[in-house]
N, C-alpha and C. Protein backbone atom coordinates (compact mmCIF):
# COMPACT_ATOMS: atom_id res chain seq x y z
N MET A 1 -25.29 177.17 63.28
CA MET A 1 -26.46 178.08 64.49
C MET A 1 -27.97 178.15 63.95
N ARG A 2 -28.07 178.39 62.81
CA ARG A 2 -29.16 178.92 62.54
C ARG A 2 -30.54 178.22 62.11
N LEU A 3 -29.89 176.75 61.52
CA LEU A 3 -30.78 175.19 61.82
C LEU A 3 -30.78 174.83 63.28
N ASN A 4 -29.35 175.76 64.01
CA ASN A 4 -30.03 175.01 65.72
C ASN A 4 -31.54 175.93 66.53
N PHE A 5 -31.14 177.54 66.02
CA PHE A 5 -32.44 178.25 66.62
C PHE A 5 -33.48 177.62 66.10
N LYS A 6 -33.43 177.13 64.98
CA LYS A 6 -35.15 176.41 64.61
C LYS A 6 -35.84 175.47 64.57
N LYS A 7 -34.39 174.73 65.04
CA LYS A 7 -35.26 173.32 65.87
C LYS A 7 -35.46 173.62 67.17
N ASN A 8 -34.50 174.71 67.46
CA ASN A 8 -34.75 174.48 69.38
C ASN A 8 -36.26 175.26 69.34
N LEU A 9 -36.57 176.21 68.16
CA LEU A 9 -37.91 176.53 68.85
C LEU A 9 -39.01 176.28 68.15
N ILE A 10 -38.87 174.67 67.00
CA ILE A 10 -39.58 174.15 66.81
C ILE A 10 -40.16 173.43 67.46
N ILE A 11 -38.99 172.37 68.44
CA ILE A 11 -39.19 171.53 69.36
C ILE A 11 -40.10 172.93 70.99
N LEU A 12 -39.75 174.16 71.18
CA LEU A 12 -40.28 174.92 71.92
C LEU A 12 -41.90 174.90 71.53
N VAL A 13 -42.52 174.85 70.46
CA VAL A 13 -43.79 175.04 69.98
C VAL A 13 -44.71 173.95 69.97
N ILE A 14 -43.40 172.56 70.01
CA ILE A 14 -44.56 171.25 69.89
C ILE A 14 -44.72 171.14 71.38
N THR A 15 -43.74 171.66 72.12
CA THR A 15 -44.05 171.27 73.90
C THR A 15 -45.19 172.26 74.58
N GLN A 16 -45.21 173.21 74.03
CA GLN A 16 -45.91 174.79 74.26
C GLN A 16 -47.90 173.97 73.34
N LEU A 17 -47.83 173.33 72.30
CA LEU A 17 -48.84 172.62 71.62
C LEU A 17 -49.20 171.11 72.52
N ILE A 18 -48.02 170.50 73.09
CA ILE A 18 -48.40 169.74 74.12
C ILE A 18 -49.60 169.90 75.05
N ILE A 19 -48.89 170.96 75.63
CA ILE A 19 -49.29 171.44 76.78
C ILE A 19 -51.04 172.16 76.65
N PHE A 20 -51.18 172.72 76.20
CA PHE A 20 -52.52 173.24 75.56
C PHE A 20 -53.20 171.90 74.99
N ILE A 21 -52.55 171.05 74.31
CA ILE A 21 -53.17 169.71 73.86
C ILE A 21 -53.87 169.14 75.49
N ILE A 22 -52.81 169.02 76.82
CA ILE A 22 -52.83 167.84 77.96
C ILE A 22 -54.20 169.35 78.40
N LEU A 23 -54.44 170.51 78.17
CA LEU A 23 -55.06 170.99 78.90
C LEU A 23 -56.45 171.11 78.56
N LEU A 24 -56.69 171.23 76.99
CA LEU A 24 -57.99 170.75 75.83
C LEU A 24 -58.29 169.09 76.88
N LEU A 25 -57.39 168.34 77.11
CA LEU A 25 -58.35 167.08 77.08
C LEU A 25 -58.65 166.65 78.35
N SER A 26 -57.74 167.67 79.94
CA SER A 26 -58.11 167.25 80.79
C SER A 26 -59.27 167.71 81.32
N ASP A 27 -59.34 169.46 81.04
CA ASP A 27 -59.96 170.37 81.80
C ASP A 27 -61.32 171.00 80.72
N HIS A 28 -60.98 170.31 79.48
CA HIS A 28 -61.84 171.02 78.35
C HIS A 28 -62.13 172.32 78.02
N LYS A 29 -61.50 173.02 78.66
CA LYS A 29 -60.83 174.51 78.68
C LYS A 29 -59.27 175.22 79.07
N ILE A 30 -59.37 176.47 78.87
CA ILE A 30 -57.65 176.93 78.96
C ILE A 30 -57.71 177.80 79.57
N THR A 31 -57.09 177.95 80.98
CA THR A 31 -57.33 178.59 82.00
C THR A 31 -55.86 179.19 82.31
N LEU A 32 -55.48 180.17 82.69
CA LEU A 32 -54.24 180.77 82.84
C LEU A 32 -53.63 179.71 84.40
N ILE A 33 -53.87 179.68 84.97
CA ILE A 33 -53.86 178.77 86.45
C ILE A 33 -53.46 177.29 86.09
N HIS A 34 -54.30 176.38 84.95
CA HIS A 34 -54.17 175.22 84.76
C HIS A 34 -52.93 175.13 83.61
N TYR A 35 -53.17 176.27 82.67
CA TYR A 35 -51.32 175.74 81.38
C TYR A 35 -49.96 176.32 82.69
N ILE A 36 -50.23 177.72 84.03
CA ILE A 36 -49.57 177.21 84.92
C ILE A 36 -48.59 176.16 85.64
N ASP A 37 -49.95 175.26 86.03
CA ASP A 37 -49.64 173.86 86.80
C ASP A 37 -49.10 173.15 85.72
N ILE A 38 -49.61 172.70 84.34
CA ILE A 38 -49.24 171.93 83.80
C ILE A 38 -48.00 172.39 83.07
N SER A 39 -47.14 173.31 82.91
CA SER A 39 -46.25 174.10 82.45
C SER A 39 -45.20 173.83 83.24
N PHE A 40 -45.75 174.04 84.61
CA PHE A 40 -44.57 173.32 86.14
C PHE A 40 -43.77 172.21 85.86
N TYR A 41 -44.81 171.09 85.55
CA TYR A 41 -44.90 169.81 85.06
C TYR A 41 -43.29 169.55 84.10
N PHE A 42 -43.97 169.87 83.47
CA PHE A 42 -42.70 170.04 81.62
C PHE A 42 -41.34 171.25 82.72
N THR A 43 -42.03 171.79 82.73
CA THR A 43 -40.35 172.26 83.41
C THR A 43 -39.33 171.62 84.36
N ALA A 44 -40.23 171.38 84.91
CA ALA A 44 -39.43 170.27 86.22
C ALA A 44 -38.94 168.87 85.52
N GLY A 45 -39.88 168.66 84.72
CA GLY A 45 -39.34 166.99 84.56
C GLY A 45 -37.78 167.47 83.42
N PHE A 46 -38.15 168.61 82.19
CA PHE A 46 -37.09 169.29 81.48
C PHE A 46 -35.71 169.12 82.98
N ILE A 47 -35.40 169.95 83.35
CA ILE A 47 -35.00 170.38 84.59
C ILE A 47 -33.80 169.41 85.16
N LEU A 48 -35.14 168.27 85.84
CA LEU A 48 -34.89 167.50 86.53
C LEU A 48 -33.95 166.18 85.73
N LEU A 49 -34.44 166.19 84.32
CA LEU A 49 -33.75 164.99 83.08
C LEU A 49 -32.11 165.61 82.65
N SER A 50 -32.58 167.23 82.96
CA SER A 50 -31.34 167.18 82.44
C SER A 50 -30.00 166.92 83.59
N LEU A 51 -30.55 167.72 85.00
CA LEU A 51 -29.22 167.50 86.31
C LEU A 51 -29.06 166.09 86.37
N LEU A 52 -29.90 164.83 86.43
CA LEU A 52 -29.80 163.76 86.28
C LEU A 52 -28.44 163.88 85.47
N LEU A 53 -29.10 163.71 83.86
CA LEU A 53 -27.38 163.80 83.17
C LEU A 53 -26.34 164.05 82.99
N TYR A 54 -26.22 165.61 83.87
CA TYR A 54 -25.01 166.35 84.12
C TYR A 54 -24.64 165.39 85.04
N THR A 55 -24.67 164.76 85.84
CA THR A 55 -25.03 164.38 87.05
C THR A 55 -23.81 162.87 87.03
N ILE A 56 -24.70 162.19 86.14
CA ILE A 56 -24.38 160.80 84.81
C ILE A 56 -22.95 161.40 84.41
N HIS A 57 -23.11 162.54 83.55
CA HIS A 57 -21.92 162.95 83.24
C HIS A 57 -20.47 163.13 84.11
N SER A 58 -20.60 163.58 84.97
CA SER A 58 -19.36 163.92 85.90
C SER A 58 -19.05 162.94 86.25
N GLY A 59 -19.07 161.75 86.08
CA GLY A 59 -18.53 160.39 86.73
C GLY A 59 -18.95 159.95 87.58
N PHE A 60 -20.32 160.62 88.32
CA PHE A 60 -20.93 160.31 89.31
C PHE A 60 -20.99 158.57 90.16
N TYR A 61 -22.30 158.37 88.62
CA TYR A 61 -22.68 157.07 89.17
C TYR A 61 -21.16 155.53 87.77
N ASP A 62 -20.38 156.05 88.20
CA ASP A 62 -19.48 154.98 87.13
C ASP A 62 -19.17 154.19 87.80
N VAL A 63 -18.80 154.31 89.09
CA VAL A 63 -18.27 153.23 89.95
C VAL A 63 -19.18 152.37 90.63
N ILE A 64 -20.60 153.34 90.84
CA ILE A 64 -22.16 151.74 90.60
C ILE A 64 -22.14 150.97 90.05
N SER A 65 -22.21 151.36 88.76
CA SER A 65 -22.77 150.68 87.26
C SER A 65 -21.67 150.24 86.80
N LYS A 66 -20.20 150.25 87.09
CA LYS A 66 -19.02 149.60 86.98
C LYS A 66 -18.78 148.01 88.12
N SER A 67 -19.74 148.52 89.02
CA SER A 67 -20.13 147.29 90.22
C SER A 67 -21.09 146.38 90.22
N PHE A 68 -21.68 147.16 89.72
CA PHE A 68 -22.87 145.84 89.14
C PHE A 68 -23.06 145.09 87.73
N ASN A 69 -22.31 145.97 87.00
CA ASN A 69 -22.24 145.40 85.94
C ASN A 69 -21.15 144.17 85.85
N VAL A 70 -19.81 144.15 86.86
CA VAL A 70 -19.36 142.87 87.34
C VAL A 70 -20.19 142.44 88.33
N ALA A 71 -20.33 142.43 89.22
CA ALA A 71 -21.73 141.29 90.26
C ALA A 71 -22.55 140.44 89.50
N PHE A 72 -23.07 141.00 88.39
CA PHE A 72 -23.78 140.37 87.73
C PHE A 72 -23.88 139.61 86.72
N SER A 73 -22.73 139.89 85.69
CA SER A 73 -22.02 138.65 85.07
C SER A 73 -20.86 138.28 85.49
N ARG A 74 -20.66 138.24 86.77
CA ARG A 74 -19.81 137.05 87.49
C ARG A 74 -19.85 135.88 86.64
N ASP A 75 -20.95 134.88 86.68
CA ASP A 75 -21.05 134.13 86.64
C ASP A 75 -21.07 133.82 84.94
N ARG A 76 -20.79 134.65 83.86
CA ARG A 76 -21.03 134.16 82.65
C ARG A 76 -19.53 134.52 82.14
N GLU A 77 -18.97 135.18 82.26
CA GLU A 77 -17.81 135.66 82.25
C GLU A 77 -16.60 136.23 82.84
N LYS A 78 -15.06 136.19 83.00
CA LYS A 78 -14.99 136.75 83.52
C LYS A 78 -14.31 138.10 83.14
N ARG A 79 -14.62 139.45 84.02
CA ARG A 79 -14.71 141.18 83.84
C ARG A 79 -13.58 141.76 84.78
N LYS A 80 -12.60 142.20 84.24
CA LYS A 80 -11.98 143.14 84.85
C LYS A 80 -13.32 144.47 85.13
N PHE A 81 -12.64 144.78 86.61
CA PHE A 81 -13.00 145.94 86.67
C PHE A 81 -12.67 147.38 86.43
N LYS A 82 -11.51 147.14 85.75
CA LYS A 82 -11.36 148.58 84.72
C LYS A 82 -11.59 148.50 83.75
N ASN A 83 -11.96 146.95 83.13
CA ASN A 83 -12.75 147.04 81.49
C ASN A 83 -13.89 147.36 81.40
N VAL A 84 -14.57 147.74 82.56
CA VAL A 84 -16.00 147.51 82.62
C VAL A 84 -16.13 148.76 82.17
N PRO A 85 -16.93 149.89 81.27
CA PRO A 85 -16.95 150.96 80.85
C PRO A 85 -18.01 151.77 82.13
N GLY A 86 -17.61 152.86 81.79
CA GLY A 86 -18.29 153.53 82.94
C GLY A 86 -20.08 154.29 82.71
N LEU A 87 -20.81 154.64 83.27
CA LEU A 87 -22.11 155.01 83.04
C LEU A 87 -21.73 156.37 82.00
N SER A 88 -20.94 157.31 82.43
CA SER A 88 -20.75 158.11 81.35
C SER A 88 -20.30 158.20 80.46
N GLU A 89 -19.58 156.59 80.41
CA GLU A 89 -19.42 156.81 78.83
C GLU A 89 -20.14 156.33 78.00
N LEU A 90 -21.27 155.36 78.27
CA LEU A 90 -22.51 154.63 78.03
C LEU A 90 -23.19 155.56 77.38
N ILE A 91 -23.55 156.87 78.13
CA ILE A 91 -24.56 157.83 78.32
C ILE A 91 -24.28 158.84 77.34
N THR A 92 -24.96 159.02 76.35
CA THR A 92 -24.41 160.27 75.48
C THR A 92 -24.87 161.57 75.32
N LEU A 93 -26.40 161.24 75.93
CA LEU A 93 -27.35 162.49 75.41
C LEU A 93 -26.32 163.54 75.82
N ASN A 94 -26.66 164.92 75.41
CA ASN A 94 -26.31 165.79 75.98
C ASN A 94 -27.52 166.91 76.38
N GLU A 95 -26.72 167.54 77.31
CA GLU A 95 -28.02 167.98 79.01
C GLU A 95 -28.33 169.17 78.85
N LYS A 96 -27.68 170.11 77.71
CA LYS A 96 -27.69 171.55 77.27
C LYS A 96 -29.69 171.92 76.82
N PRO A 97 -29.75 170.76 75.94
CA PRO A 97 -30.90 171.22 74.91
C PRO A 97 -31.79 171.27 76.42
N LEU A 98 -31.94 170.20 77.18
CA LEU A 98 -33.31 169.71 77.92
C LEU A 98 -33.25 170.65 78.79
N LEU A 99 -31.84 171.41 79.30
CA LEU A 99 -31.82 173.03 79.95
C LEU A 99 -32.43 173.74 79.57
N PHE A 100 -32.32 174.20 78.13
CA PHE A 100 -32.62 175.22 77.45
C PHE A 100 -33.92 174.92 77.17
N HIS A 101 -34.76 174.36 77.11
CA HIS A 101 -35.98 173.74 77.08
C HIS A 101 -37.04 173.93 78.66
N GLY A 102 -36.31 173.33 79.53
CA GLY A 102 -36.95 173.80 81.03
C GLY A 102 -36.95 174.85 81.45
N LEU A 103 -35.50 175.69 80.86
CA LEU A 103 -35.33 177.26 81.58
C LEU A 103 -36.92 177.95 80.24
N PHE A 104 -36.64 177.80 79.24
CA PHE A 104 -37.50 178.31 78.49
C PHE A 104 -39.33 178.19 78.55
N ASN A 105 -39.39 177.04 79.11
CA ASN A 105 -40.99 177.03 80.03
C ASN A 105 -40.91 177.39 81.03
N GLY A 106 -40.11 177.41 81.77
CA GLY A 106 -39.93 177.91 83.20
C GLY A 106 -39.86 179.73 83.39
N LEU A 107 -39.78 179.87 82.01
CA LEU A 107 -39.57 181.41 81.73
C LEU A 107 -41.14 182.36 81.46
N LEU A 108 -41.79 180.99 80.39
CA LEU A 108 -43.45 181.18 79.86
C LEU A 108 -44.39 181.10 81.21
N MET A 109 -43.84 179.89 81.81
CA MET A 109 -44.80 179.41 82.92
C MET A 109 -44.56 181.12 83.84
N THR A 110 -43.01 181.45 84.27
CA THR A 110 -43.23 182.71 85.19
C THR A 110 -43.83 184.16 84.55
N ALA A 111 -43.68 183.85 83.50
CA ALA A 111 -44.87 185.12 82.75
C ALA A 111 -46.60 184.97 82.83
N ALA A 112 -46.70 183.76 82.58
CA ALA A 112 -48.40 183.44 82.84
C ALA A 112 -48.44 183.61 84.09
N LEU A 113 -47.57 183.45 85.27
CA LEU A 113 -47.72 183.62 86.71
C LEU A 113 -47.85 185.23 87.01
N ILE A 114 -47.05 185.88 86.56
CA ILE A 114 -46.96 187.34 87.05
C ILE A 114 -48.04 187.79 86.41
N ALA A 115 -48.50 187.34 85.34
CA ALA A 115 -49.98 187.75 84.47
C ALA A 115 -50.75 187.52 85.46
N TYR A 116 -51.54 186.54 86.26
CA TYR A 116 -52.08 186.21 86.93
C TYR A 116 -52.20 186.78 87.99
N TYR A 117 -51.16 186.92 88.34
CA TYR A 117 -51.21 187.74 90.16
C TYR A 117 -51.09 189.22 89.39
N PHE A 118 -50.90 189.80 88.72
CA PHE A 118 -50.61 191.61 88.08
C PHE A 118 -52.24 191.59 87.08
């Protein structure tokens, strides 16, 4: 558990460093409103990617991916629909760390937004 916390903390620090580097490269200064803008993109990216992975793992796209696999491999070999693995079986990435990083970056962005307005 301690190793997992340390790894998550390192990733969060790296994400924040990347945000600050992007701020410096794009605006040549660090302002609170620009930090909020850039961190919103990172937060949205993490959360949307985790939601996409959650949808894939639920099996929603399995029939579509199996159909495309059967349709495009029709000439090369005869495959049965039930023998083709679904997309949820092929993609094994865990969506929980992405959701955690997205929510934590979102909390930092919200804190910056509250500080900006008050």
